[in-house]
Amino acid sequence: MSTDNHDTSEAHGSYRSYIIGFVLSVVLTLIPFWIVLGDVNIHIWLALTIIFGLGAVQIMVHVFYFLHVTVKAEEGWQVMSLVFTGILLLIVLVGSIWVMTHLNNNMMPAHDQIERMRGLE
């Protein structure tokens, strides 16, 4: 039989911390849906900045409330995990913006190409 002590709620999180994480996740999801689907009149770059920023915050909420990665735990080893998560987050966000900008510039037909196609009809 194992004699491991799993009575500490700190290591696995408490019911309250799960509820806080869930509520924050729902709010952080609903705000981008409201920006995209609602009748919000803001500039596209501001909308993208808000959406990506809230996505980054939501990732950190999941890491803290559901994965229980904190600075205090395991003598700082989880700090390395946080730094690694931050680097991955930065790569994913900047890479996504770069890919979307690249596709917008290269996949959309130019105005003169559209006019040329109209002239062929």
N, C-alpha and C. Protein backbone atom coordinates (compact mmCIF):
# COMPACT_ATOMS: atom_id res chain seq x y z
N MET A 1 0.83 -1.18 0.00
CA MET A 1 0.00 0.00 0.00
C MET A 1 0.87 1.23 0.00
N SER A 2 0.42 2.20 -0.66
CA SER A 2 1.13 3.47 -0.71
C SER A 2 0.83 4.29 0.53
N THR A 3 1.85 4.97 1.02
CA THR A 3 1.65 5.84 2.18
C THR A 3 1.72 7.30 1.79
N ASP A 4 1.54 7.59 0.52
CA ASP A 4 1.59 8.99 0.07
C ASP A 4 0.45 9.77 0.71
N ASN A 5 0.79 10.97 1.08
CA ASN A 5 -0.21 11.84 1.71
C ASN A 5 -0.76 12.80 0.67
N HIS A 6 -2.03 12.64 0.33
CA HIS A 6 -2.67 13.49 -0.65
C HIS A 6 -3.72 14.37 0.00
N ASP A 7 -3.53 14.66 1.30
CA ASP A 7 -4.54 15.44 1.99
C ASP A 7 -4.41 16.94 1.74
N THR A 8 -3.26 17.38 1.27
CA THR A 8 -3.09 18.82 1.08
C THR A 8 -3.87 19.28 -0.15
N SER A 9 -4.68 20.28 0.05
CA SER A 9 -5.47 20.79 -1.06
C SER A 9 -4.64 21.74 -1.92
N GLU A 10 -3.49 22.19 -1.38
CA GLU A 10 -2.64 23.12 -2.13
C GLU A 10 -2.05 22.47 -3.37
N ALA A 11 -1.61 21.21 -3.27
CA ALA A 11 -0.96 20.56 -4.40
C ALA A 11 -1.93 20.27 -5.52
N HIS A 12 -3.15 19.92 -5.18
CA HIS A 12 -4.13 19.57 -6.21
C HIS A 12 -5.15 20.66 -6.44
N GLY A 13 -5.08 21.72 -5.72
CA GLY A 13 -6.03 22.81 -5.88
C GLY A 13 -7.27 22.57 -5.06
N SER A 14 -7.92 23.64 -4.73
CA SER A 14 -9.14 23.53 -3.94
C SER A 14 -10.35 23.71 -4.86
N TYR A 15 -11.49 23.42 -4.31
CA TYR A 15 -12.74 23.58 -5.06
C TYR A 15 -12.90 25.05 -5.46
N ARG A 16 -12.56 25.94 -4.55
CA ARG A 16 -12.66 27.38 -4.82
C ARG A 16 -11.76 27.81 -5.97
N SER A 17 -10.52 27.29 -6.00
CA SER A 17 -9.60 27.68 -7.08
C SER A 17 -10.08 27.15 -8.43
N TYR A 18 -10.70 25.96 -8.44
CA TYR A 18 -11.25 25.45 -9.71
C TYR A 18 -12.40 26.31 -10.19
N ILE A 19 -13.25 26.76 -9.27
CA ILE A 19 -14.38 27.61 -9.64
C ILE A 19 -13.88 28.94 -10.17
N ILE A 20 -12.88 29.53 -9.50
CA ILE A 20 -12.32 30.80 -9.96
C ILE A 20 -11.71 30.63 -11.36
N GLY A 21 -10.97 29.56 -11.57
CA GLY A 21 -10.38 29.30 -12.88
C GLY A 21 -11.43 29.11 -13.95
N PHE A 22 -12.51 28.40 -13.61
CA PHE A 22 -13.58 28.17 -14.58
C PHE A 22 -14.27 29.47 -14.95
N VAL A 23 -14.59 30.29 -13.96
CA VAL A 23 -15.27 31.56 -14.22
C VAL A 23 -14.38 32.48 -15.06
N LEU A 24 -13.10 32.56 -14.71
CA LEU A 24 -12.18 33.38 -15.49
C LEU A 24 -12.07 32.88 -16.93
N SER A 25 -12.04 31.57 -17.11
CA SER A 25 -11.96 31.01 -18.46
C SER A 25 -13.19 31.34 -19.28
N VAL A 26 -14.35 31.25 -18.66
CA VAL A 26 -15.59 31.56 -19.38
C VAL A 26 -15.62 33.04 -19.77
N VAL A 27 -15.25 33.90 -18.84
CA VAL A 27 -15.25 35.35 -19.14
C VAL A 27 -14.23 35.67 -20.23
N LEU A 28 -13.05 35.06 -20.13
CA LEU A 28 -12.01 35.32 -21.12
C LEU A 28 -12.36 34.74 -22.48
N THR A 29 -13.29 33.80 -22.54
CA THR A 29 -13.76 33.27 -23.82
C THR A 29 -14.90 34.11 -24.38
N LEU A 30 -15.79 34.56 -23.53
CA LEU A 30 -16.96 35.32 -23.99
C LEU A 30 -16.59 36.69 -24.54
N ILE A 31 -15.59 37.33 -24.00
CA ILE A 31 -15.21 38.68 -24.48
C ILE A 31 -14.76 38.64 -25.95
N PRO A 32 -13.87 37.73 -26.38
CA PRO A 32 -13.55 37.69 -27.81
C PRO A 32 -14.75 37.31 -28.69
N PHE A 33 -15.63 36.42 -28.21
CA PHE A 33 -16.83 36.11 -28.98
C PHE A 33 -17.70 37.36 -29.14
N TRP A 34 -17.82 38.14 -28.09
CA TRP A 34 -18.59 39.37 -28.16
C TRP A 34 -17.97 40.36 -29.14
N ILE A 35 -16.63 40.46 -29.15
CA ILE A 35 -15.95 41.37 -30.07
C ILE A 35 -16.17 40.94 -31.51
N VAL A 36 -16.12 39.64 -31.78
CA VAL A 36 -16.23 39.15 -33.16
C VAL A 36 -17.69 39.10 -33.61
N LEU A 37 -18.57 38.58 -32.80
CA LEU A 37 -19.95 38.37 -33.22
C LEU A 37 -20.87 39.54 -32.89
N GLY A 38 -20.50 40.36 -31.94
CA GLY A 38 -21.33 41.49 -31.55
C GLY A 38 -21.16 42.65 -32.52
N ASP A 39 -21.91 43.66 -32.29
CA ASP A 39 -21.85 44.84 -33.14
C ASP A 39 -20.89 45.86 -32.53
N VAL A 40 -19.63 45.45 -32.38
CA VAL A 40 -18.62 46.28 -31.76
C VAL A 40 -17.89 47.05 -32.85
N ASN A 41 -17.80 48.35 -32.71
CA ASN A 41 -17.18 49.20 -33.72
C ASN A 41 -15.80 49.64 -33.23
N ILE A 42 -14.80 48.76 -33.42
CA ILE A 42 -13.41 49.09 -33.09
C ILE A 42 -12.53 48.71 -34.26
N HIS A 43 -11.33 49.28 -34.30
CA HIS A 43 -10.39 49.00 -35.37
C HIS A 43 -9.96 47.53 -35.32
N ILE A 44 -9.69 46.95 -36.49
CA ILE A 44 -9.36 45.52 -36.58
C ILE A 44 -8.12 45.18 -35.77
N TRP A 45 -7.11 46.05 -35.78
CA TRP A 45 -5.87 45.75 -35.04
C TRP A 45 -6.09 45.82 -33.53
N LEU A 46 -6.97 46.71 -33.10
CA LEU A 46 -7.30 46.75 -31.68
C LEU A 46 -8.06 45.49 -31.28
N ALA A 47 -8.97 45.05 -32.15
CA ALA A 47 -9.72 43.81 -31.87
C ALA A 47 -8.77 42.62 -31.80
N LEU A 48 -7.84 42.54 -32.76
CA LEU A 48 -6.87 41.43 -32.76
C LEU A 48 -5.98 41.48 -31.52
N THR A 49 -5.57 42.67 -31.14
CA THR A 49 -4.73 42.81 -29.94
C THR A 49 -5.48 42.35 -28.70
N ILE A 50 -6.74 42.75 -28.59
CA ILE A 50 -7.53 42.33 -27.43
C ILE A 50 -7.73 40.82 -27.43
N ILE A 51 -8.06 40.25 -28.59
CA ILE A 51 -8.32 38.81 -28.66
C ILE A 51 -7.06 38.00 -28.32
N PHE A 52 -5.93 38.39 -28.90
CA PHE A 52 -4.69 37.66 -28.61
C PHE A 52 -4.24 37.88 -27.16
N GLY A 53 -4.44 39.07 -26.65
CA GLY A 53 -4.08 39.34 -25.26
C GLY A 53 -4.92 38.51 -24.30
N LEU A 54 -6.22 38.44 -24.56
CA LEU A 54 -7.08 37.63 -23.70
C LEU A 54 -6.76 36.14 -23.85
N GLY A 55 -6.35 35.73 -25.04
CA GLY A 55 -5.93 34.34 -25.23
C GLY A 55 -4.69 34.02 -24.41
N ALA A 56 -3.76 34.97 -24.37
CA ALA A 56 -2.55 34.77 -23.56
C ALA A 56 -2.89 34.71 -22.08
N VAL A 57 -3.80 35.58 -21.64
CA VAL A 57 -4.21 35.56 -20.23
C VAL A 57 -4.93 34.25 -19.91
N GLN A 58 -5.73 33.78 -20.84
CA GLN A 58 -6.45 32.52 -20.59
C GLN A 58 -5.49 31.33 -20.48
N ILE A 59 -4.45 31.33 -21.27
CA ILE A 59 -3.45 30.27 -21.14
C ILE A 59 -2.83 30.30 -19.75
N MET A 60 -2.50 31.50 -19.27
CA MET A 60 -1.90 31.61 -17.95
C MET A 60 -2.89 31.20 -16.85
N VAL A 61 -4.17 31.51 -17.03
CA VAL A 61 -5.19 31.08 -16.06
C VAL A 61 -5.25 29.56 -16.01
N HIS A 62 -5.21 28.91 -17.16
CA HIS A 62 -5.24 27.45 -17.17
C HIS A 62 -4.00 26.88 -16.50
N VAL A 63 -2.84 27.46 -16.78
CA VAL A 63 -1.59 26.97 -16.17
C VAL A 63 -1.65 27.12 -14.66
N PHE A 64 -2.15 28.24 -14.17
CA PHE A 64 -2.15 28.49 -12.73
C PHE A 64 -3.26 27.74 -12.01
N TYR A 65 -4.49 27.83 -12.49
CA TYR A 65 -5.63 27.26 -11.75
C TYR A 65 -5.85 25.78 -12.01
N PHE A 66 -5.52 25.28 -13.18
CA PHE A 66 -5.81 23.88 -13.47
C PHE A 66 -4.57 23.00 -13.46
N LEU A 67 -3.43 23.54 -13.85
CA LEU A 67 -2.20 22.75 -13.81
C LEU A 67 -1.41 22.98 -12.53
N HIS A 68 -1.80 24.02 -11.76
CA HIS A 68 -1.21 24.33 -10.45
C HIS A 68 0.28 24.58 -10.53
N VAL A 69 0.70 25.25 -11.57
CA VAL A 69 2.10 25.64 -11.71
C VAL A 69 2.25 27.00 -11.04
N THR A 70 3.00 27.04 -9.95
CA THR A 70 3.22 28.29 -9.23
C THR A 70 4.70 28.51 -9.00
N VAL A 71 5.06 29.71 -8.62
CA VAL A 71 6.46 30.05 -8.38
C VAL A 71 6.96 29.40 -7.10
N LYS A 72 6.09 29.20 -6.12
CA LYS A 72 6.49 28.68 -4.81
C LYS A 72 6.71 27.16 -4.80
N ALA A 73 6.07 26.45 -5.67
CA ALA A 73 6.10 24.99 -5.60
C ALA A 73 7.42 24.41 -6.11
N GLU A 74 7.79 23.31 -5.53
CA GLU A 74 8.92 22.47 -5.95
C GLU A 74 10.22 23.26 -6.08
N GLU A 75 10.49 24.10 -5.11
CA GLU A 75 11.75 24.82 -4.99
C GLU A 75 12.14 25.59 -6.25
N GLY A 76 11.18 26.14 -6.89
CA GLY A 76 11.46 26.98 -8.04
C GLY A 76 11.54 26.29 -9.39
N TRP A 77 11.44 24.97 -9.37
CA TRP A 77 11.51 24.27 -10.66
C TRP A 77 10.33 24.61 -11.56
N GLN A 78 9.24 24.93 -10.95
CA GLN A 78 8.09 25.28 -11.77
C GLN A 78 8.25 26.67 -12.39
N VAL A 79 9.16 27.47 -11.86
CA VAL A 79 9.46 28.75 -12.50
C VAL A 79 10.01 28.51 -13.90
N MET A 80 10.85 27.51 -14.01
CA MET A 80 11.39 27.16 -15.33
C MET A 80 10.25 26.78 -16.27
N SER A 81 9.28 26.07 -15.75
CA SER A 81 8.12 25.70 -16.56
C SER A 81 7.33 26.94 -16.98
N LEU A 82 7.20 27.90 -16.06
CA LEU A 82 6.50 29.14 -16.40
C LEU A 82 7.24 29.92 -17.48
N VAL A 83 8.54 30.00 -17.36
CA VAL A 83 9.34 30.71 -18.37
C VAL A 83 9.20 30.01 -19.71
N PHE A 84 9.27 28.69 -19.71
CA PHE A 84 9.12 27.92 -20.94
C PHE A 84 7.74 28.14 -21.54
N THR A 85 6.71 28.17 -20.69
CA THR A 85 5.35 28.43 -21.17
C THR A 85 5.25 29.82 -21.79
N GLY A 86 5.89 30.79 -21.16
CA GLY A 86 5.88 32.14 -21.71
C GLY A 86 6.56 32.22 -23.07
N ILE A 87 7.67 31.52 -23.20
CA ILE A 87 8.38 31.53 -24.49
C ILE A 87 7.51 30.86 -25.57
N LEU A 88 6.89 29.73 -25.23
CA LEU A 88 6.01 29.06 -26.18
C LEU A 88 4.81 29.94 -26.54
N LEU A 89 4.27 30.61 -25.55
CA LEU A 89 3.14 31.51 -25.79
C LEU A 89 3.54 32.62 -26.75
N LEU A 90 4.69 33.20 -26.55
CA LEU A 90 5.17 34.27 -27.42
C LEU A 90 5.38 33.75 -28.85
N ILE A 91 5.97 32.57 -28.98
CA ILE A 91 6.20 32.00 -30.31
C ILE A 91 4.87 31.73 -31.02
N VAL A 92 3.90 31.17 -30.31
CA VAL A 92 2.60 30.85 -30.92
C VAL A 92 1.87 32.13 -31.33
N LEU A 93 1.86 33.14 -30.46
CA LEU A 93 1.13 34.37 -30.78
C LEU A 93 1.78 35.13 -31.92
N VAL A 94 3.08 35.34 -31.86
CA VAL A 94 3.77 36.08 -32.92
C VAL A 94 3.73 35.28 -34.23
N GLY A 95 3.90 33.98 -34.14
CA GLY A 95 3.82 33.15 -35.35
C GLY A 95 2.45 33.17 -35.98
N SER A 96 1.40 33.16 -35.17
CA SER A 96 0.04 33.22 -35.71
C SER A 96 -0.22 34.54 -36.41
N ILE A 97 0.21 35.63 -35.80
CA ILE A 97 0.03 36.95 -36.44
C ILE A 97 0.82 37.01 -37.74
N TRP A 98 2.04 36.48 -37.73
CA TRP A 98 2.86 36.50 -38.94
C TRP A 98 2.21 35.68 -40.04
N VAL A 99 1.71 34.49 -39.73
CA VAL A 99 1.07 33.63 -40.73
C VAL A 99 -0.18 34.30 -41.30
N MET A 100 -1.01 34.87 -40.44
CA MET A 100 -2.24 35.51 -40.93
C MET A 100 -1.93 36.72 -41.80
N THR A 101 -0.92 37.51 -41.42
CA THR A 101 -0.54 38.66 -42.23
C THR A 101 0.03 38.22 -43.57
N HIS A 102 0.86 37.20 -43.55
CA HIS A 102 1.45 36.67 -44.77
C HIS A 102 0.37 36.13 -45.71
N LEU A 103 -0.59 35.38 -45.18
CA LEU A 103 -1.67 34.85 -46.01
C LEU A 103 -2.54 35.98 -46.57
N ASN A 104 -2.80 36.99 -45.78
CA ASN A 104 -3.61 38.12 -46.25
C ASN A 104 -2.91 38.85 -47.39
N ASN A 105 -1.60 39.00 -47.30
CA ASN A 105 -0.86 39.72 -48.33
C ASN A 105 -0.67 38.91 -49.60
N ASN A 106 -0.55 37.59 -49.50
CA ASN A 106 -0.21 36.77 -50.65
C ASN A 106 -1.35 35.95 -51.22
N MET A 107 -2.40 35.74 -50.49
CA MET A 107 -3.49 34.91 -50.99
C MET A 107 -4.66 35.71 -51.53
N MET A 108 -4.79 36.95 -51.11
CA MET A 108 -5.89 37.77 -51.60
C MET A 108 -5.51 38.35 -52.96
N PRO A 109 -6.41 38.32 -53.95
CA PRO A 109 -6.07 38.87 -55.26
C PRO A 109 -5.94 40.39 -55.19
N ALA A 110 -5.00 40.89 -55.98
CA ALA A 110 -4.80 42.34 -56.03
C ALA A 110 -5.90 42.98 -56.87
N HIS A 111 -6.04 44.29 -56.71
CA HIS A 111 -7.11 45.00 -57.41
C HIS A 111 -6.95 44.90 -58.93
N ASP A 112 -5.72 45.01 -59.44
CA ASP A 112 -5.53 44.93 -60.88
C ASP A 112 -5.83 43.53 -61.42
N GLN A 113 -5.59 42.50 -60.63
CA GLN A 113 -5.95 41.14 -61.07
C GLN A 113 -7.46 40.98 -61.17
N ILE A 114 -8.18 41.57 -60.25
CA ILE A 114 -9.65 41.49 -60.29
C ILE A 114 -10.17 42.22 -61.52
N GLU A 115 -9.61 43.40 -61.81
CA GLU A 115 -10.06 44.16 -62.98
C GLU A 115 -9.72 43.42 -64.26
N ARG A 116 -8.55 42.77 -64.30
CA ARG A 116 -8.16 41.99 -65.48
C ARG A 116 -9.13 40.84 -65.71
N MET A 117 -9.54 40.16 -64.63
CA MET A 117 -10.50 39.05 -64.75
C MET A 117 -11.86 39.56 -65.22
N ARG A 118 -12.25 40.72 -64.77
CA ARG A 118 -13.54 41.29 -65.21
C ARG A 118 -13.49 41.64 -66.70
N GLY A 119 -12.33 42.04 -67.19
CA GLY A 119 -12.19 42.40 -68.60
C GLY A 119 -12.25 41.21 -69.52
N LEU A 120 -11.99 40.00 -69.00
CA LEU A 120 -12.01 38.80 -69.83
C LEU A 120 -13.43 38.32 -70.12
N GLU A 121 -14.36 38.77 -69.34
CA GLU A 121 -15.74 38.27 -69.52
C GLU A 121 -16.40 38.83 -70.75
